[in-house]
Amino acid sequence: MTGGRSAKVRLACPACNEGLTLDRAGASCPRCGTRYPEKEGILRLTVGSVGATSYDPGYFPALARAEDEHFWFVARREVILESLQRAVSDWKQRALFDIGCGTGGLIKFLSAAGIPIAGASDAYLEALCRAREKVEGTFVQVDEGRLPPLGAGQSLIGLFDVLEHLDDDRGTLAWLGSVLEPGGILVLTVPALPWLYSDLDAAAGHRRRYGRRELRQKLEAAGFEVRTLTHFMAPLLPPLVLYRWLLGRGVSAQERWNRELRIVPVVNSLLLALLRLERLWLRVAPMPVGSSLLAVAARPGTGAPREPR
C-alpha cells in the first residue's frame, strides 16, 4: 500500500507555528510564506539538524524484519492494541498520529485492526519511505531531536518508545497535552525499571528508564488523566537481567544490540508464547513489574468513558 495525503492531520509551520496548508507539492504557511516540499511522498518539515543521531540508519532493513517477526515487537503491538481498545470506547473513530514511527510495522498492524492512521513522523527518511509503503497517511520528516509541528485538535497520538530519547520529557508531555483536543488520547510505551539502565540503553540513545510512579507523576503534572498504566514484558526480566549483567560482559553494546534484534525461530516462538500468556493477566489487572511500561492517558474534557485501572 502506498502512502496518501490524509486530510485528518493538522500540522503547524516550524518557523512561526501557524497552521500549514497542504497541497500536492507539499505545504505552505499562510503567515510567513515558507514552503515545505514533499519528496518521495514525504513532507519535509526540517529546519536544521538538532541533537545527535540516536540510531544508525544501516539497521533499518533488520529493524523492518524485526518489527514484523521479532517476539518483542509482536507482543508490544498486541498489548498496545488491546490496552487502547479497553481504555477508549471510540478507538475506531480516532485518527492516530504516530511520533517516531520507525519503519511502520506498528502502524501497519494498528491500521489493519481498524484504527485510522492520520500520519506519522520520524527523523530518518529511509524509515519513513518504508513506512509509507505499508499504510496511507501524511508522513513527515523532522530534524533529529525535534517533535513534529502538530497543530491543535489531535484526536489520538502515539509515542512508542520515544519519550526516553528526549532530554525534556516533562516539556514534551505538556506540549502533547496542548495539541490534543479535549478528550484526546495519548498512548505511549517506555522502557521500565531505572535500575536496569545499562550501556545498552546508552548505545540506543536512551536518556532514562522509567518507574511506574514516576511516569504517572509526569503524566499528571502535564495535565493528563491516566486511564491505564501497567508494566508489561514481565517474562523477559530474568533472561534480560542475566544477559545484560552476566552473560553480556565483555561483549560490546553494539554486538549485544545486534543479538537482541536477531530472530532465532525456536526462541522467538517460545518467548512470544510467554508474552501472549502475560496478555491474559493484562486483560484483568495491571502487571506489577516488567521491562516496559504502557500508559493510555487523556486530556481532560469530553471523550470516551474511562476504564478504571
Protein backbone atom coordinates (compact mmCIF):
# COMPACT_ATOMS: atom_id res chain seq x y z
CA MET A 1 0.00 0.00 0.00
CA THR A 2 1.42 3.39 -0.92
CA GLY A 3 1.19 6.47 1.24
CA GLY A 4 -1.54 9.03 0.64
CA ARG A 5 -2.23 12.50 1.98
CA SER A 6 -4.58 12.50 4.94
CA ALA A 7 -7.00 15.36 5.50
CA LYS A 8 -7.26 14.48 9.18
CA VAL A 9 -3.80 15.55 10.32
CA ARG A 10 -3.18 19.13 11.40
CA LEU A 11 0.36 20.48 11.05
CA ALA A 12 1.89 23.81 12.07
CA CYS A 13 4.71 25.78 10.49
CA PRO A 14 8.02 25.01 12.26
CA ALA A 15 9.08 28.63 11.71
CA CYS A 16 6.07 30.52 13.10
CA ASN A 17 3.59 27.90 14.41
CA GLU A 18 0.80 28.95 12.03
CA GLY A 19 -1.36 26.15 10.64
CA LEU A 20 0.00 24.79 7.37
CA THR A 21 -1.96 24.49 4.14
CA LEU A 22 -1.32 21.13 2.48
CA ASP A 23 -1.23 20.77 -1.30
CA ARG A 24 0.06 18.27 -3.84
CA ALA A 25 3.55 19.77 -3.88
CA GLY A 26 3.95 19.90 -0.11
CA ALA A 27 2.78 22.50 2.39
CA SER A 28 2.87 26.26 2.77
CA CYS A 29 2.47 28.70 5.62
CA PRO A 30 -0.13 31.46 5.07
CA ARG A 31 1.56 33.68 7.68
CA CYS A 32 5.29 33.64 6.89
CA GLY A 33 5.12 32.25 3.36
CA THR A 34 7.56 29.40 3.98
CA ARG A 35 7.10 26.40 1.69
CA TYR A 36 7.90 22.85 2.69
CA PRO A 37 8.38 20.37 -0.16
CA GLU A 38 7.08 16.86 -0.47
CA LYS A 39 9.58 14.42 -1.97
CA GLU A 40 9.09 10.68 -2.40
CA GLY A 41 5.75 11.06 -0.65
CA ILE A 42 7.40 12.51 2.49
CA LEU A 43 6.65 16.04 3.69
CA ARG A 44 9.98 17.60 4.69
CA LEU A 45 9.35 19.79 7.75
CA THR A 46 13.05 20.07 8.51
CA VAL A 47 14.65 23.36 9.53
CA GLY A 48 18.16 22.29 10.52
CA SER A 49 19.78 19.42 12.42
CA VAL A 50 19.23 19.36 16.18
CA GLY A 51 20.83 16.90 18.58
CA ALA A 52 22.98 13.85 17.98
CA THR A 53 21.85 10.96 15.79
CA SER A 54 20.48 8.25 18.07
CA TYR A 55 20.02 5.47 15.54
CA ASP A 56 22.20 4.02 12.80
CA PRO A 57 20.16 4.05 9.53
CA GLY A 58 22.08 0.95 8.44
CA TYR A 59 19.90 -1.06 10.83
CA PHE A 60 16.60 -0.22 9.12
CA PRO A 61 16.44 -3.39 6.97
CA ALA A 62 16.96 -5.55 10.08
CA LEU A 63 14.52 -3.37 12.05
CA ALA A 64 11.85 -3.73 9.37
CA ARG A 65 12.08 -7.52 9.61
CA ALA A 66 12.18 -7.41 13.40
CA GLU A 67 9.01 -5.27 13.52
CA ASP A 68 7.20 -7.96 11.55
CA GLU A 69 8.52 -11.08 13.30
CA HIS A 70 10.53 -10.46 16.48
CA PHE A 71 8.72 -11.54 19.66
CA TRP A 72 9.29 -8.17 21.39
CA PHE A 73 7.73 -6.11 18.60
CA VAL A 74 4.88 -8.54 18.00
CA ALA A 75 3.97 -8.74 21.70
CA ARG A 76 4.26 -4.97 22.16
CA ARG A 77 1.89 -4.15 19.31
CA GLU A 78 -0.68 -6.65 20.59
CA VAL A 79 -0.55 -5.16 24.11
CA ILE A 80 -0.87 -1.62 22.71
CA LEU A 81 -3.94 -2.51 20.66
CA GLU A 82 -5.76 -4.37 23.44
CA SER A 83 -4.98 -1.66 26.01
CA LEU A 84 -6.30 1.05 23.70
CA GLN A 85 -9.43 -0.94 22.95
CA ARG A 86 -10.15 -1.40 26.67
CA ALA A 87 -9.43 2.20 27.66
CA VAL A 88 -11.08 4.08 24.77
CA SER A 89 -14.54 3.03 23.63
CA ASP A 90 -14.46 5.05 20.38
CA TRP A 91 -10.96 3.97 19.31
CA LYS A 92 -12.11 3.25 15.75
CA GLN A 93 -13.19 6.87 15.34
CA ARG A 94 -9.84 8.37 16.39
CA ALA A 95 -7.16 9.01 13.78
CA LEU A 96 -3.69 8.18 15.08
CA PHE A 97 -0.59 10.29 14.54
CA ASP A 98 2.49 8.25 15.44
CA ILE A 99 5.57 10.20 16.55
CA GLY A 100 8.75 8.27 15.77
CA CYS A 101 7.16 5.62 13.56
CA GLY A 102 10.34 3.81 12.53
CA THR A 103 9.75 1.54 9.54
CA GLY A 104 5.99 1.44 10.13
CA GLY A 105 5.39 -2.10 11.38
CA LEU A 106 3.31 -0.96 14.33
CA ILE A 107 1.05 1.44 12.44
CA LYS A 108 0.53 -1.19 9.74
CA PHE A 109 -0.75 -3.56 12.45
CA LEU A 110 -2.96 -0.91 14.10
CA SER A 111 -4.38 0.14 10.74
CA ALA A 112 -5.27 -3.46 9.90
CA ALA A 113 -7.03 -3.68 13.29
CA GLY A 114 -9.29 -0.75 12.36
CA ILE A 115 -7.51 2.31 13.79
CA PRO A 116 -7.46 5.15 11.22
CA ILE A 117 -3.94 6.46 10.58
CA ALA A 118 -3.71 10.24 10.18
CA GLY A 119 0.04 10.23 9.72
CA ALA A 120 3.43 9.66 11.26
CA SER A 121 6.79 11.33 11.70
CA ASP A 122 10.40 10.32 12.02
CA ALA A 123 13.84 11.88 11.63
CA TYR A 124 15.03 9.22 9.20
CA LEU A 125 13.99 9.35 5.56
CA GLU A 126 14.68 5.67 4.88
CA ALA A 127 12.42 4.64 7.76
CA LEU A 128 9.62 6.90 6.53
CA CYS A 129 9.89 5.57 2.97
CA ARG A 130 9.48 2.04 4.30
CA ALA A 131 6.53 3.10 6.49
CA ARG A 132 4.63 4.84 3.70
CA GLU A 133 4.69 1.64 1.65
CA LYS A 134 2.68 -0.07 4.40
CA VAL A 135 -0.11 2.36 5.25
CA GLU A 136 -1.77 5.51 3.99
CA GLY A 137 -1.31 8.81 5.80
CA THR A 138 0.70 12.01 5.90
CA PHE A 139 4.35 11.16 6.53
CA VAL A 140 6.55 13.91 7.92
CA GLN A 141 10.32 14.11 8.24
CA VAL A 142 11.56 16.24 11.14
CA ASP A 143 15.03 17.05 12.39
CA GLU A 144 16.72 14.73 14.88
CA GLY A 145 15.73 15.86 18.37
CA ARG A 146 12.63 17.76 17.21
CA LEU A 147 9.00 16.82 17.64
CA PRO A 148 6.66 17.10 14.64
CA PRO A 149 4.97 20.52 14.49
CA LEU A 150 1.45 19.28 15.13
CA GLY A 151 -1.41 21.73 15.19
CA ALA A 152 -4.05 21.76 17.90
CA GLY A 153 -7.01 19.38 17.81
CA GLN A 154 -5.29 15.98 17.51
CA SER A 155 -7.53 13.06 18.44
CA LEU A 156 -5.02 10.28 19.15
CA ILE A 157 -1.22 10.47 19.45
CA GLY A 158 1.15 7.53 19.73
CA LEU A 159 4.59 7.82 21.32
CA PHE A 160 6.04 4.32 21.31
CA ASP A 161 9.48 4.02 22.92
CA VAL A 162 10.33 7.61 22.03
CA LEU A 163 9.98 9.60 25.27
CA GLU A 164 13.11 8.05 26.77
CA HIS A 165 15.16 9.51 23.88
CA LEU A 166 14.18 13.11 24.66
CA ASP A 167 16.00 15.40 27.09
CA ASP A 168 12.89 17.28 28.21
CA ASP A 169 10.27 14.61 28.82
CA ARG A 170 8.17 16.87 31.06
CA GLY A 171 8.05 19.60 28.42
CA THR A 172 7.21 17.03 25.75
CA LEU A 173 4.24 15.69 27.72
CA ALA A 174 2.97 19.21 28.37
CA TRP A 175 3.20 20.01 24.64
CA LEU A 176 1.37 16.80 23.72
CA GLY A 177 -1.43 17.77 26.07
CA SER A 178 -1.65 21.18 24.38
CA VAL A 179 -2.08 19.77 20.85
CA LEU A 180 -4.62 17.10 21.78
CA GLU A 181 -8.28 18.03 21.57
CA PRO A 182 -10.31 17.93 24.82
CA GLY A 183 -10.79 14.24 25.47
CA GLY A 184 -7.90 13.44 23.12
CA ILE A 185 -5.83 10.36 23.87
CA LEU A 186 -2.10 9.78 24.29
CA VAL A 187 -0.87 6.18 24.21
CA LEU A 188 2.80 5.58 24.94
CA THR A 189 5.33 2.94 25.86
CA VAL A 190 8.70 3.41 27.54
CA PRO A 191 11.45 1.15 28.92
CA ALA A 192 10.92 0.48 32.62
CA LEU A 193 12.95 -0.01 35.78
CA PRO A 194 15.70 2.61 36.20
CA TRP A 195 17.98 0.05 37.88
CA LEU A 196 18.02 -1.88 34.61
CA TYR A 197 19.68 1.03 32.76
CA SER A 198 22.92 -0.14 31.15
CA ASP A 199 25.40 0.71 28.41
CA LEU A 200 22.94 -0.92 26.01
CA ASP A 201 20.42 1.81 26.83
CA ALA A 202 23.09 4.43 26.33
CA ALA A 203 24.02 2.92 22.96
CA ALA A 204 20.35 3.04 21.94
CA GLY A 205 20.16 6.76 22.81
CA HIS A 206 18.03 6.33 25.94
CA ARG A 207 18.27 9.18 28.43
CA ARG A 208 16.47 7.18 31.10
CA ARG A 209 14.26 4.23 32.00
CA TYR A 210 11.04 4.90 33.93
CA GLY A 211 9.50 3.82 37.18
CA ARG A 212 5.71 3.38 37.20
CA ARG A 213 5.17 6.06 39.84
CA GLU A 214 7.50 8.46 38.03
CA LEU A 215 5.63 8.07 34.73
CA ARG A 216 2.26 8.61 36.41
CA GLN A 217 3.51 11.74 38.17
CA LYS A 218 4.90 13.20 34.96
CA LEU A 219 1.70 12.49 33.03
CA GLU A 220 -0.47 14.01 35.75
CA ALA A 221 1.84 17.04 36.08
CA ALA A 222 1.29 17.62 32.34
CA GLY A 223 -2.47 17.67 32.95
CA PHE A 224 -3.33 14.15 31.77
CA GLU A 225 -5.91 11.82 33.27
CA VAL A 226 -4.24 8.41 33.37
CA ARG A 227 -6.67 5.70 32.26
CA THR A 228 -4.29 2.75 32.04
CA LEU A 229 -0.78 2.37 33.40
CA THR A 230 0.89 -1.02 33.52
CA HIS A 231 4.17 -2.81 33.27
CA PHE A 232 4.47 -5.49 30.60
CA MET A 233 7.21 -7.78 29.23
CA ALA A 234 7.48 -9.39 32.70
CA PRO A 235 8.61 -12.81 31.36
CA LEU A 236 11.65 -11.12 29.82
CA LEU A 237 13.03 -9.81 33.11
CA PRO A 238 15.03 -12.88 34.24
CA PRO A 239 16.75 -13.50 30.88
CA LEU A 240 17.26 -9.76 30.39
CA VAL A 241 19.00 -9.35 33.74
CA LEU A 242 21.06 -12.49 33.16
CA TYR A 243 22.14 -11.44 29.70
CA ARG A 244 22.79 -7.76 30.31
CA TRP A 245 24.64 -8.11 33.58
CA LEU A 246 26.30 -11.52 33.41
CA LEU A 247 26.47 -13.24 30.02
CA GLY A 248 26.90 -9.95 28.17
CA ARG A 249 30.07 -8.97 29.95
CA GLY A 250 33.00 -8.45 27.61
CA VAL A 251 30.67 -8.01 24.62
CA SER A 252 30.24 -4.54 23.14
CA ALA A 253 26.89 -2.80 23.48
CA GLN A 254 26.58 -2.74 19.68
CA GLU A 255 27.07 -6.51 19.41
CA ARG A 256 24.54 -7.12 22.21
CA TRP A 257 22.08 -4.86 20.38
CA ASN A 258 22.61 -6.90 17.21
CA ARG A 259 21.99 -10.11 19.15
CA GLU A 260 18.76 -8.78 20.71
CA LEU A 261 17.37 -7.97 17.25
CA ARG A 262 18.34 -11.39 15.86
CA ILE A 263 15.43 -13.74 15.25
CA VAL A 264 16.09 -17.31 16.43
CA PRO A 265 12.93 -19.22 15.41
CA VAL A 266 12.55 -21.59 18.38
CA VAL A 267 13.48 -18.98 21.00
CA ASN A 268 11.35 -16.38 19.24
CA SER A 269 8.27 -18.62 19.29
CA LEU A 270 8.77 -19.61 22.94
CA LEU A 271 9.14 -16.04 24.19
CA LEU A 272 6.20 -14.84 22.13
CA ALA A 273 4.05 -17.60 23.64
CA LEU A 274 5.05 -16.49 27.16
CA LEU A 275 4.27 -12.87 26.38
CA ARG A 276 0.88 -13.80 25.00
CA LEU A 277 0.13 -15.56 28.27
CA GLU A 278 1.04 -12.32 30.02
CA ARG A 279 -1.67 -10.60 27.96
CA LEU A 280 -4.26 -12.75 29.74
CA TRP A 281 -3.19 -11.15 33.04
CA LEU A 282 -3.30 -7.66 31.50
CA ARG A 283 -6.92 -8.19 30.50
CA VAL A 284 -7.77 -8.45 34.19
CA ALA A 285 -5.32 -6.19 36.05
CA PRO A 286 -2.13 -4.14 35.59
CA MET A 287 1.14 -6.07 35.68
CA PRO A 288 3.15 -5.03 38.76
CA VAL A 289 6.57 -5.48 37.14
CA GLY A 290 8.07 -5.78 33.67
CA SER A 291 10.80 -4.37 31.47
CA SER A 292 8.39 -1.96 29.73
CA LEU A 293 5.59 0.40 30.73
CA LEU A 294 2.44 1.29 28.81
CA ALA A 295 0.16 4.24 29.52
CA VAL A 296 -3.11 5.40 27.99
CA ALA A 297 -3.90 8.94 29.13
CA ALA A 298 -6.47 11.55 28.17
CA ARG A 299 -6.55 15.30 28.04
CA PRO A 300 -9.45 16.28 30.34
CA GLY A 301 -12.63 17.15 28.50
CA THR A 302 -15.34 15.43 26.53
CA GLY A 303 -14.25 11.97 25.48
CA ALA A 304 -14.86 8.27 25.82
CA PRO A 305 -15.67 6.90 29.27
CA ARG A 306 -12.61 5.90 31.24
CA GLU A 307 -11.67 2.39 32.26
CA PRO A 308 -10.59 2.27 35.92
CA ARG A 309 -7.17 0.56 36.17
